[in-house]
Amino acid sequence: MRYQISGKQIDIGEALQTHVQSELNEVVEKYAQRPTDAVIIFSRMAHEYTCEAMIHLSTGLNASAKGRATEIYAAFEAAREKMDKQLRRYKRRLRDHHRDRTTPVEFGGASSYILAPTDEAESATSEGDEPMIIAEMEAKVPAITVGEAVMQLELGGQKMLVFRNEGHGGVNVVYRRDDGNIGWIDPRNAG
């Protein structure tokens, strides 16, 4: 497994990097078995350290967790415990996913835009009705089942996931609702 361990404006020592690698190896081997790479970022805000960890699995799923503490090792342990809990919750589904899927998850390309906030009076006079684009990026859209999309939403801690439904090839969206439930938008089924 490839590791990218870095700090935002803080120095990460060799001992911490070794500790992170050994602990994450133990967690991932216990549950997922086939990770491809991991990105761990440490940062500090005032007196508190933050550790953000994301592991990419060979199935195309990503697991992420975030931990905070007053010491850097404790921040990592908090993130590791959250990731352990997530992977343990989805262990059976992750293993079944390995067995059922014979080919890796395919990703299609898509454009992702960030639009500038607009004041209604200013936008009406200067540019008409079109919003100003301030960033354009490439996004990857996985071709997965609805169950895998919901699992990815949970594992990644995301609020929304756009995916191509393997069942019919159409673009779908799963999202976390305000009431805590998961919503699923499938335009193909619209009346």
C-alpha atoms as a PDB file:
ATOM      1  CA  MET A   1       0.000   0.000   0.000  1.00  0.00           C
ATOM      2  CA  ARG A   2       1.278   3.478  -0.864  1.00  0.00           C
ATOM      3  CA  TYR A   3       1.209   6.100   1.868  1.00  0.00           C
ATOM      4  CA  GLN A   4       1.216   9.853   1.564  1.00  0.00           C
ATOM      5  CA  ILE A   5       1.680  11.257   5.055  1.00  0.00           C
ATOM      6  CA  SER A   6       2.057  15.018   5.327  1.00  0.00           C
ATOM      7  CA  GLY A   7       1.516  17.963   7.599  1.00  0.00           C
ATOM      8  CA  LYS A   8       0.026  21.354   6.902  1.00  0.00           C
ATOM      9  CA  GLN A   9       2.598  23.806   8.255  1.00  0.00           C
ATOM     10  CA  ILE A  10       3.875  21.260  10.788  1.00  0.00           C
ATOM     11  CA  ASP A  11       6.780  18.832  10.614  1.00  0.00           C
ATOM     12  CA  ILE A  12       5.886  15.128  10.627  1.00  0.00           C
ATOM     13  CA  GLY A  13       8.660  13.031  12.127  1.00  0.00           C
ATOM     14  CA  GLU A  14       9.801   9.603  10.995  1.00  0.00           C
ATOM     15  CA  ALA A  15       8.466   7.962  14.185  1.00  0.00           C
ATOM     16  CA  LEU A  16       4.935   9.269  13.564  1.00  0.00           C
ATOM     17  CA  GLN A  17       5.038   8.123   9.926  1.00  0.00           C
ATOM     18  CA  THR A  18       6.118   4.620  10.963  1.00  0.00           C
ATOM     19  CA  HIS A  19       3.398   4.511  13.639  1.00  0.00           C
ATOM     20  CA  VAL A  20       0.721   5.624  11.159  1.00  0.00           C
ATOM     21  CA  GLN A  21       1.773   3.029   8.560  1.00  0.00           C
ATOM     22  CA  SER A  22       1.814   0.118  11.001  1.00  0.00           C
ATOM     23  CA  GLU A  23      -1.509   1.022  12.632  1.00  0.00           C
ATOM     24  CA  LEU A  24      -3.331   1.586   9.338  1.00  0.00           C
ATOM     25  CA  ASN A  25      -1.916  -1.624   7.873  1.00  0.00           C
ATOM     26  CA  GLU A  26      -3.372  -3.511  10.819  1.00  0.00           C
ATOM     27  CA  VAL A  27      -6.825  -1.919  10.455  1.00  0.00           C
ATOM     28  CA  VAL A  28      -7.045  -2.316   6.685  1.00  0.00           C
ATOM     29  CA  GLU A  29      -5.771  -5.910   6.576  1.00  0.00           C
ATOM     30  CA  LYS A  30      -8.334  -6.869   9.187  1.00  0.00           C
ATOM     31  CA  TYR A  31     -11.287  -5.629   7.143  1.00  0.00           C
ATOM     32  CA  ALA A  32     -10.610  -4.616   3.549  1.00  0.00           C
ATOM     33  CA  GLN A  33      -7.539  -6.670   2.531  1.00  0.00           C
ATOM     34  CA  ARG A  34      -6.833  -4.906  -0.787  1.00  0.00           C
ATOM     35  CA  PRO A  35      -6.078  -1.225  -0.240  1.00  0.00           C
ATOM     36  CA  THR A  36      -4.256   0.696  -2.940  1.00  0.00           C
ATOM     37  CA  ASP A  37      -3.152   3.889  -1.217  1.00  0.00           C
ATOM     38  CA  ALA A  38      -3.729   6.094   1.804  1.00  0.00           C
ATOM     39  CA  VAL A  39      -3.521   9.842   2.311  1.00  0.00           C
ATOM     40  CA  ILE A  40      -3.040  11.125   5.850  1.00  0.00           C
ATOM     41  CA  ILE A  41      -2.842  14.851   6.561  1.00  0.00           C
ATOM     42  CA  PHE A  42      -2.018  16.359   9.946  1.00  0.00           C
ATOM     43  CA  SER A  43      -2.748  19.995  10.775  1.00  0.00           C
ATOM     44  CA  ARG A  44      -2.827  22.202  13.830  1.00  0.00           C
ATOM     45  CA  MET A  45      -5.294  24.880  14.817  1.00  0.00           C
ATOM     46  CA  ALA A  46      -4.467  26.756  18.026  1.00  0.00           C
ATOM     47  CA  HIS A  47      -3.880  24.034  20.640  1.00  0.00           C
ATOM     48  CA  GLU A  48      -5.608  21.217  18.765  1.00  0.00           C
ATOM     49  CA  TYR A  49      -4.191  18.750  16.216  1.00  0.00           C
ATOM     50  CA  THR A  50      -6.351  17.339  13.420  1.00  0.00           C
ATOM     51  CA  CYS A  51      -5.723  14.132  11.489  1.00  0.00           C
ATOM     52  CA  GLU A  52      -7.598  13.493   8.243  1.00  0.00           C
ATOM     53  CA  ALA A  53      -7.171   9.981   6.809  1.00  0.00           C
ATOM     54  CA  MET A  54      -8.492   8.633   3.512  1.00  0.00           C
ATOM     55  CA  ILE A  55      -7.915   5.095   2.246  1.00  0.00           C
ATOM     56  CA  HIS A  56      -8.639   4.124  -1.360  1.00  0.00           C
ATOM     57  CA  LEU A  57      -9.672   0.487  -1.720  1.00  0.00           C
ATOM     58  CA  SER A  58      -9.189  -1.603  -4.853  1.00  0.00           C
ATOM     59  CA  THR A  59     -12.964  -1.907  -5.162  1.00  0.00           C
ATOM     60  CA  GLY A  60     -13.181   1.800  -5.953  1.00  0.00           C
ATOM     61  CA  LEU A  61     -14.498   2.721  -2.519  1.00  0.00           C
ATOM     62  CA  ASN A  62     -12.899   5.333  -0.291  1.00  0.00           C
ATOM     63  CA  ALA A  63     -12.965   5.298   3.501  1.00  0.00           C
ATOM     64  CA  SER A  64     -12.244   8.523   5.337  1.00  0.00           C
ATOM     65  CA  ALA A  65     -12.105   9.617   8.953  1.00  0.00           C
ATOM     66  CA  LYS A  66     -11.116  12.695  10.913  1.00  0.00           C
ATOM     67  CA  GLY A  67      -9.790  12.928  14.458  1.00  0.00           C
ATOM     68  CA  ARG A  68      -8.971  15.833  16.785  1.00  0.00           C
ATOM     69  CA  ALA A  69      -6.984  15.963  20.004  1.00  0.00           C
ATOM     70  CA  THR A  70      -4.489  18.104  21.897  1.00  0.00           C
ATOM     71  CA  GLU A  71      -1.650  15.697  20.999  1.00  0.00           C
ATOM     72  CA  ILE A  72      -0.761  14.582  17.466  1.00  0.00           C
ATOM     73  CA  TYR A  73      -0.667  10.829  18.249  1.00  0.00           C
ATOM     74  CA  ALA A  74      -4.049  11.062  19.987  1.00  0.00           C
ATOM     75  CA  ALA A  75      -5.513  12.845  16.940  1.00  0.00           C
ATOM     76  CA  PHE A  76      -4.331   9.993  14.720  1.00  0.00           C
ATOM     77  CA  GLU A  77      -5.729   7.382  17.137  1.00  0.00           C
ATOM     78  CA  ALA A  78      -9.132   9.126  17.076  1.00  0.00           C
ATOM     79  CA  ALA A  79      -9.145   9.022  13.256  1.00  0.00           C
ATOM     80  CA  ARG A  80      -7.959   5.394  13.239  1.00  0.00           C
ATOM     81  CA  GLU A  81     -10.727   4.357  15.647  1.00  0.00           C
ATOM     82  CA  LYS A  82     -13.379   6.022  13.469  1.00  0.00           C
ATOM     83  CA  MET A  83     -12.019   4.300  10.370  1.00  0.00           C
ATOM     84  CA  ASP A  84     -11.891   0.972  12.207  1.00  0.00           C
ATOM     85  CA  LYS A  85     -15.540   1.397  13.210  1.00  0.00           C
ATOM     86  CA  GLN A  86     -16.606   2.277   9.649  1.00  0.00           C
ATOM     87  CA  LEU A  87     -14.759  -0.653   8.088  1.00  0.00           C
ATOM     88  CA  ARG A  88     -16.019  -3.058  10.769  1.00  0.00           C
ATOM     89  CA  ARG A  89     -19.596  -1.933  10.063  1.00  0.00           C
ATOM     90  CA  TYR A  90     -19.169  -2.632   6.355  1.00  0.00           C
ATOM     91  CA  LYS A  91     -16.851  -5.662   6.633  1.00  0.00           C
ATOM     92  CA  ARG A  92     -19.308  -8.214   5.256  1.00  0.00           C
ATOM     93  CA  ARG A  93     -20.388  -5.978   2.397  1.00  0.00           C
ATOM     94  CA  LEU A  94     -16.764  -5.131   1.549  1.00  0.00           C
ATOM     95  CA  ARG A  95     -15.818  -8.803   1.438  1.00  0.00           C
ATOM     96  CA  ASP A  96     -18.941  -9.722  -0.575  1.00  0.00           C
ATOM     97  CA  HIS A  97     -18.139  -6.863  -2.931  1.00  0.00           C
ATOM     98  CA  HIS A  98     -14.673  -8.352  -3.527  1.00  0.00           C
ATOM     99  CA  ARG A  99     -16.204 -11.731  -4.369  1.00  0.00           C
ATOM    100  CA  ASP A 100     -18.999 -10.510  -6.633  1.00  0.00           C
ATOM    101  CA  ARG A 101     -17.070  -7.940  -8.642  1.00  0.00           C
ATOM    102  CA  THR A 102     -14.871  -9.536 -11.284  1.00  0.00           C
ATOM    103  CA  THR A 103     -13.632  -6.277 -12.794  1.00  0.00           C
ATOM    104  CA  PRO A 104     -12.477  -3.093 -11.068  1.00  0.00           C
ATOM    105  CA  VAL A 105     -14.869  -0.169 -10.737  1.00  0.00           C
ATOM    106  CA  GLU A 106     -14.871   1.952 -13.877  1.00  0.00           C
ATOM    107  CA  PHE A 107     -14.709   5.720 -13.564  1.00  0.00           C
ATOM    108  CA  GLY A 108     -16.044   8.081 -16.181  1.00  0.00           C
ATOM    109  CA  GLY A 109     -14.860  11.646 -16.552  1.00  0.00           C
ATOM    110  CA  ALA A 110     -17.061  14.636 -15.850  1.00  0.00           C
ATOM    111  CA  SER A 111     -16.610  18.362 -15.446  1.00  0.00           C
ATOM    112  CA  SER A 112     -17.026  19.920 -12.029  1.00  0.00           C
ATOM    113  CA  TYR A 113     -17.583  23.671 -11.694  1.00  0.00           C
ATOM    114  CA  ILE A 114     -17.456  26.080  -8.785  1.00  0.00           C
ATOM    115  CA  LEU A 115     -19.779  29.018  -9.289  1.00  0.00           C
ATOM    116  CA  ALA A 116     -19.268  32.416  -7.687  1.00  0.00           C
ATOM    117  CA  PRO A 117     -21.995  33.619  -5.340  1.00  0.00           C
ATOM    118  CA  THR A 118     -24.065  36.317  -6.991  1.00  0.00           C
ATOM    119  CA  ASP A 119     -25.913  39.369  -5.782  1.00  0.00           C
ATOM    120  CA  GLU A 120     -29.197  39.491  -7.668  1.00  0.00           C
ATOM    121  CA  ALA A 121     -28.899  43.196  -8.520  1.00  0.00           C
ATOM    122  CA  GLU A 122     -25.282  42.954  -9.684  1.00  0.00           C
ATOM    123  CA  SER A 123     -25.722  39.790 -11.769  1.00  0.00           C
ATOM    124  CA  ALA A 124     -28.796  41.112 -13.555  1.00  0.00           C
ATOM    125  CA  THR A 125     -26.984  44.200 -14.803  1.00  0.00           C
ATOM    126  CA  SER A 126     -23.510  42.829 -15.545  1.00  0.00           C
ATOM    127  CA  GLU A 127     -23.842  39.332 -17.024  1.00  0.00           C
ATOM    128  CA  GLY A 128     -27.493  38.583 -17.490  1.00  0.00           C
ATOM    129  CA  ASP A 129     -28.708  35.305 -15.988  1.00  0.00           C
ATOM    130  CA  GLU A 130     -25.511  33.242 -16.324  1.00  0.00           C
ATOM    131  CA  PRO A 131     -23.433  32.651 -13.169  1.00  0.00           C
ATOM    132  CA  MET A 132     -19.709  33.324 -13.225  1.00  0.00           C
ATOM    133  CA  ILE A 133     -17.540  30.169 -13.151  1.00  0.00           C
ATOM    134  CA  ILE A 134     -14.509  30.607 -10.905  1.00  0.00           C
ATOM    135  CA  ALA A 135     -13.079  27.075 -11.175  1.00  0.00           C
ATOM    136  CA  GLU A 136     -13.412  24.139 -13.544  1.00  0.00           C
ATOM    137  CA  MET A 137     -12.063  20.717 -12.532  1.00  0.00           C
ATOM    138  CA  GLU A 138     -12.246  17.100 -13.622  1.00  0.00           C
ATOM    139  CA  ALA A 139     -14.373  14.799 -11.471  1.00  0.00           C
ATOM    140  CA  LYS A 140     -14.528  11.002 -11.511  1.00  0.00           C
ATOM    141  CA  VAL A 141     -17.955   9.362 -11.637  1.00  0.00           C
ATOM    142  CA  PRO A 142     -17.866   5.677 -10.602  1.00  0.00           C
ATOM    143  CA  ALA A 143     -20.034   3.016 -12.249  1.00  0.00           C
ATOM    144  CA  ILE A 144     -21.392   1.145  -9.196  1.00  0.00           C
ATOM    145  CA  THR A 145     -24.616  -0.278  -7.779  1.00  0.00           C
ATOM    146  CA  VAL A 146     -26.943   1.716  -5.546  1.00  0.00           C
ATOM    147  CA  GLY A 147     -25.876  -0.329  -2.502  1.00  0.00           C
ATOM    148  CA  GLU A 148     -22.218   0.386  -3.213  1.00  0.00           C
ATOM    149  CA  ALA A 149     -23.026   4.080  -3.658  1.00  0.00           C
ATOM    150  CA  VAL A 150     -24.734   4.231  -0.261  1.00  0.00           C
ATOM    151  CA  MET A 151     -21.790   2.403   1.299  1.00  0.00           C
ATOM    152  CA  GLN A 152     -19.369   4.858  -0.356  1.00  0.00           C
ATOM    153  CA  LEU A 153     -21.438   7.778   0.949  1.00  0.00           C
ATOM    154  CA  GLU A 154     -21.216   6.381   4.485  1.00  0.00           C
ATOM    155  CA  LEU A 155     -17.542   5.380   4.344  1.00  0.00           C
ATOM    156  CA  GLY A 156     -16.434   8.654   2.803  1.00  0.00           C
ATOM    157  CA  GLY A 157     -18.468  10.826   5.156  1.00  0.00           C
ATOM    158  CA  GLN A 158     -19.864  12.676   2.153  1.00  0.00           C
ATOM    159  CA  LYS A 159     -23.141  14.561   1.895  1.00  0.00           C
ATOM    160  CA  MET A 160     -23.781  13.600  -1.732  1.00  0.00           C
ATOM    161  CA  LEU A 161     -22.449  11.150  -4.337  1.00  0.00           C
ATOM    162  CA  VAL A 162     -23.045  11.212  -8.092  1.00  0.00           C
ATOM    163  CA  PHE A 163     -22.594   7.797  -9.748  1.00  0.00           C
ATOM    164  CA  ARG A 164     -23.455   5.848 -12.883  1.00  0.00           C
ATOM    165  CA  ASN A 165     -25.932   3.087 -11.976  1.00  0.00           C
ATOM    166  CA  GLU A 166     -24.549  -0.301 -13.092  1.00  0.00           C
ATOM    167  CA  GLY A 167     -28.100  -1.596 -13.460  1.00  0.00           C
ATOM    168  CA  HIS A 168     -29.073   0.681 -16.348  1.00  0.00           C
ATOM    169  CA  GLY A 169     -26.094   2.987 -17.001  1.00  0.00           C
ATOM    170  CA  GLY A 170     -27.939   6.194 -16.059  1.00  0.00           C
ATOM    171  CA  VAL A 171     -26.581   8.905 -13.797  1.00  0.00           C
ATOM    172  CA  ASN A 172     -27.957   8.735 -10.226  1.00  0.00           C
ATOM    173  CA  VAL A 173     -27.419  10.648  -6.987  1.00  0.00           C
ATOM    174  CA  VAL A 174     -27.516   9.478  -3.381  1.00  0.00           C
ATOM    175  CA  TYR A 175     -27.464  12.094  -0.621  1.00  0.00           C
ATOM    176  CA  ARG A 176     -27.821  12.495   3.118  1.00  0.00           C
ATOM    177  CA  ARG A 177     -31.146  14.095   4.011  1.00  0.00           C
ATOM    178  CA  ASP A 178     -31.620  16.595   6.835  1.00  0.00           C
ATOM    179  CA  ASP A 179     -33.553  13.953   8.800  1.00  0.00           C
ATOM    180  CA  GLY A 180     -30.513  11.620   8.712  1.00  0.00           C
ATOM    181  CA  ASN A 181     -31.898   9.213   6.106  1.00  0.00           C
ATOM    182  CA  ILE A 182     -30.409   8.575   2.673  1.00  0.00           C
ATOM    183  CA  GLY A 183     -32.135   9.957  -0.439  1.00  0.00           C
ATOM    184  CA  TRP A 184     -31.725   8.446  -3.924  1.00  0.00           C
ATOM    185  CA  ILE A 185     -32.428  10.312  -7.161  1.00  0.00           C
ATOM    186  CA  ASP A 186     -32.921   8.122 -10.232  1.00  0.00           C
ATOM    187  CA  PRO A 187     -34.130  10.261 -13.186  1.00  0.00           C
ATOM    188  CA  ARG A 188     -34.782   7.132 -15.270  1.00  0.00           C
ATOM    189  CA  ASN A 189     -37.668   6.177 -12.959  1.00  0.00           C
ATOM    190  CA  ALA A 190     -39.290   9.626 -13.127  1.00  0.00           C
ATOM    191  CA  GLY A 191     -42.825   9.318 -14.422  1.00  0.00           C
END
